[in-house]
């Protein structure tokens, strides 16, 4: 399972040029919020952000043994720093492997 937390960004210049009036930083998630997941989008997590980051969550939750991309991106094992694909107001996520066993949701 993985642990996420994030930081919001807002590109004021691009938003003024291309965004709708009143556009603000992403309203979907709160900074410092944590989620745990492995292969399924956690409840309350932004579906668009999930589509952008799930492959890193899956890799970390299934025991990737090395750093990502041959060590030329992230220097720490068990960690990925990724973002959603919103170009005007991206959210940055730190994804970390945990020692919590992953279990399928049997609801």
Protein backbone atom coordinates (compact mmCIF):
# COMPACT_ATOMS: atom_id res chain seq x y z
CA UNK A 1 0.00 0.00 0.00
CA UNK A 2 1.07 3.56 -0.52
CA UNK A 3 0.82 6.75 1.43
CA UNK A 4 0.14 9.99 -0.43
CA UNK A 5 0.35 13.57 0.56
CA UNK A 6 0.50 16.53 -1.67
CA UNK A 7 1.06 20.15 -2.39
CA UNK A 8 -1.10 22.31 -4.64
CA UNK A 9 0.23 24.68 -7.28
CA UNK A 10 -1.58 27.35 -9.26
CA UNK A 11 -0.17 29.03 -12.37
CA UNK A 12 -1.75 32.46 -12.15
CA UNK A 13 -0.38 33.71 -15.48
CA UNK A 14 -1.57 30.71 -17.49
CA UNK A 15 -4.87 30.66 -15.63
CA UNK A 16 -5.54 34.31 -16.44
CA UNK A 17 -4.76 33.67 -20.08
CA UNK A 18 -6.55 30.32 -20.57
CA UNK A 19 -8.63 29.49 -17.51
CA UNK A 20 -12.23 30.37 -16.80
CA UNK A 21 -12.94 33.42 -14.66
CA UNK A 22 -12.57 32.62 -10.97
CA UNK A 23 -10.36 29.55 -11.46
CA UNK A 24 -8.47 28.74 -8.25
CA UNK A 25 -6.14 26.02 -6.99
CA UNK A 26 -7.57 22.52 -7.21
CA UNK A 27 -10.60 22.20 -4.91
CA UNK A 28 -10.65 18.38 -4.93
CA UNK A 29 -8.15 17.57 -2.18
CA UNK A 30 -6.72 19.29 0.90
CA UNK A 31 -2.99 19.77 1.42
CA UNK A 32 -1.61 17.25 3.87
CA UNK A 33 -4.46 14.78 3.28
CA UNK A 34 -3.29 11.15 3.24
CA UNK A 35 -4.64 8.19 1.32
CA UNK A 36 -3.68 4.53 1.29
CA UNK A 37 -4.10 2.40 -1.81
CA UNK A 38 -2.58 -0.31 -3.95
CA UNK A 39 -4.49 -0.97 -7.18
CA UNK A 40 -7.81 0.77 -6.57
CA UNK A 41 -8.50 4.50 -6.46
CA UNK A 42 -9.07 5.38 -2.80
CA UNK A 43 -12.45 6.76 -1.81
CA UNK A 44 -12.44 10.55 -1.97
CA UNK A 45 -9.37 10.71 -4.21
CA UNK A 46 -9.61 12.66 -7.48
CA UNK A 47 -10.21 10.24 -10.37
CA UNK A 48 -8.25 12.39 -12.84
CA UNK A 49 -5.24 12.54 -10.52
CA UNK A 50 -5.49 8.77 -9.98
CA UNK A 51 -5.26 8.16 -13.73
CA UNK A 52 -2.03 10.17 -13.80
CA UNK A 53 -0.31 8.46 -10.85
CA UNK A 54 -1.73 4.95 -10.47
CA UNK A 55 1.14 3.22 -12.28
CA UNK A 56 3.58 4.48 -9.64
CA UNK A 57 1.25 3.40 -6.84
CA UNK A 58 0.93 -0.05 -8.42
CA UNK A 59 4.70 -0.42 -8.85
CA UNK A 60 5.44 0.62 -5.27
CA UNK A 61 2.67 -1.49 -3.79
CA UNK A 62 3.90 -4.55 -5.65
CA UNK A 63 7.46 -4.40 -4.44
CA UNK A 64 9.55 -2.52 -6.98
CA UNK A 65 13.06 -3.27 -5.78
CA UNK A 66 14.98 -0.35 -7.23
CA UNK A 67 14.64 3.38 -7.78
CA UNK A 68 12.51 4.51 -10.71
CA UNK A 69 13.99 5.04 -14.17
CA UNK A 70 17.47 3.66 -13.58
CA UNK A 71 18.26 6.14 -10.82
CA UNK A 72 18.18 9.26 -12.97
CA UNK A 73 14.96 10.66 -11.48
CA UNK A 74 14.33 9.81 -7.79
CA UNK A 75 17.30 8.91 -5.64
CA UNK A 76 15.36 7.20 -2.84
CA UNK A 77 13.97 3.68 -3.10
CA UNK A 78 10.28 3.26 -2.32
CA UNK A 79 9.37 6.85 -3.26
CA UNK A 80 7.91 8.61 -6.30
CA UNK A 81 7.18 12.33 -6.67
CA UNK A 82 4.46 12.73 -9.30
CA UNK A 83 1.71 15.12 -10.30
CA UNK A 84 -1.76 15.15 -11.74
CA UNK A 85 -2.13 16.33 -15.31
CA UNK A 86 -3.87 19.67 -14.69
CA UNK A 87 -1.55 22.17 -16.38
CA UNK A 88 -3.09 25.23 -14.72
CA UNK A 89 -3.34 23.93 -11.16
CA UNK A 90 -1.33 20.75 -10.72
CA UNK A 91 -1.20 18.82 -7.48
CA UNK A 92 2.14 17.25 -6.52
CA UNK A 93 2.07 13.90 -4.74
CA UNK A 94 4.73 12.07 -2.75
CA UNK A 95 4.00 8.37 -2.95
CA UNK A 96 5.75 6.07 -0.50
CA UNK A 97 5.77 2.33 -0.10
CA UNK A 98 4.63 1.22 3.36
CA UNK A 99 4.89 -2.01 5.29
CA UNK A 100 1.08 -2.33 5.45
CA UNK A 101 -0.23 -5.50 3.78
CA UNK A 102 -2.54 -4.86 0.88
CA UNK A 103 -5.93 -6.59 0.94
CA UNK A 104 -8.62 -6.59 -1.75
CA UNK A 105 -11.80 -4.68 -0.99
CA UNK A 106 -14.39 -7.40 -0.51
CA UNK A 107 -17.42 -5.14 -0.05
